[in-house]
């Protein structure tokens, strides 16, 4: 009797995976945040602001902004604020 329940468990789990997977994709897209970032160059000049989108917070937005300035920005001076 117990074996029947254990055999049916993987089937039940596999039947529910598409339902949970579909629900998770809708919430993942809703968490994307837009940030406006400013920084100074290595020479101390103010660089133009950039706008980046990040799902993973301010720290990831700083990394994305750094690549937008292509190495001109000093990482310690990058400031990102949500828009």
Protein backbone atom coordinates (compact mmCIF):
# COMPACT_ATOMS: atom_id res chain seq x y z
CA UNK A 1 0.00 0.00 0.00
CA UNK A 2 2.77 2.42 0.92
CA UNK A 3 4.58 1.79 -2.36
CA UNK A 4 1.58 3.07 -4.33
CA UNK A 5 1.70 6.40 -2.56
CA UNK A 6 5.43 6.76 -3.17
CA UNK A 7 4.98 5.96 -6.85
CA UNK A 8 2.24 8.55 -7.21
CA UNK A 9 4.20 11.34 -5.52
CA UNK A 10 6.64 12.05 -8.39
CA UNK A 11 3.75 12.08 -10.85
CA UNK A 12 1.86 14.62 -8.72
CA UNK A 13 4.94 16.82 -8.37
CA UNK A 14 5.63 16.76 -12.11
CA UNK A 15 2.00 17.66 -12.81
CA UNK A 16 2.28 20.80 -10.63
CA UNK A 17 5.62 22.07 -12.00
CA UNK A 18 4.16 23.91 -15.02
CA UNK A 19 1.64 25.69 -12.79
CA UNK A 20 4.31 27.01 -10.42
CA UNK A 21 6.74 27.77 -13.24
CA UNK A 22 4.16 29.90 -15.02
CA UNK A 23 3.34 31.82 -11.83
CA UNK A 24 7.02 32.50 -11.11
CA UNK A 25 7.75 34.03 -14.52
CA UNK A 26 5.16 36.75 -14.01
CA UNK A 27 6.65 37.86 -10.69
CA UNK A 28 10.26 37.80 -11.90
CA UNK A 29 9.55 40.39 -14.59
CA UNK A 30 7.77 42.68 -12.14
CA UNK A 31 10.89 43.06 -9.99
CA UNK A 32 13.01 44.84 -12.63
CA UNK A 33 13.93 48.27 -11.25
CA UNK A 34 15.22 51.24 -13.24
CA UNK A 35 18.15 53.18 -11.77
CA UNK A 36 19.73 56.50 -12.68
CA UNK A 37 23.47 56.48 -12.01
CA UNK A 38 26.08 59.23 -11.81
CA UNK A 39 29.84 59.05 -11.25
CA UNK A 40 33.13 60.86 -11.50
CA UNK A 41 35.94 59.99 -13.87
CA UNK A 42 39.42 59.07 -12.66
CA UNK A 43 40.38 62.72 -13.22
CA UNK A 44 37.60 64.00 -10.95
CA UNK A 45 35.26 65.23 -13.70
CA UNK A 46 31.53 64.55 -13.47
CA UNK A 47 30.34 62.01 -16.05
CA UNK A 48 26.93 62.15 -17.72
CA UNK A 49 24.15 60.19 -16.02
CA UNK A 50 23.20 56.74 -17.29
CA UNK A 51 19.97 54.80 -16.85
CA UNK A 52 20.15 51.05 -16.26
CA UNK A 53 17.65 48.31 -15.42
CA UNK A 54 18.50 45.71 -12.80
CA UNK A 55 16.61 42.83 -11.15
CA UNK A 56 19.24 42.40 -8.47
CA UNK A 57 19.40 45.77 -6.68
CA UNK A 58 21.67 48.77 -6.44
CA UNK A 59 24.92 46.81 -6.38
CA UNK A 60 24.14 45.14 -9.71
CA UNK A 61 23.02 48.49 -11.13
CA UNK A 62 26.41 49.96 -10.24
CA UNK A 63 28.13 47.16 -12.12
CA UNK A 64 25.93 47.70 -15.17
CA UNK A 65 26.55 51.46 -15.07
CA UNK A 66 30.30 50.86 -14.84
CA UNK A 67 30.20 48.96 -18.11
CA UNK A 68 28.16 51.74 -19.74
CA UNK A 69 30.95 54.24 -19.01
CA UNK A 70 33.49 51.74 -20.42
CA UNK A 71 36.10 52.11 -17.67
CA UNK A 72 36.01 55.91 -17.45
CA UNK A 73 34.19 55.93 -14.08
CA UNK A 74 35.87 55.32 -10.74
CA UNK A 75 33.75 52.59 -9.12
CA UNK A 76 33.84 54.14 -5.64
CA UNK A 77 32.11 57.28 -6.96
CA UNK A 78 29.18 55.58 -8.72
CA UNK A 79 25.86 56.50 -7.11
CA UNK A 80 22.64 54.83 -8.30
CA UNK A 81 19.14 55.86 -7.26
CA UNK A 82 15.83 54.21 -8.21
CA UNK A 83 13.80 56.15 -10.77
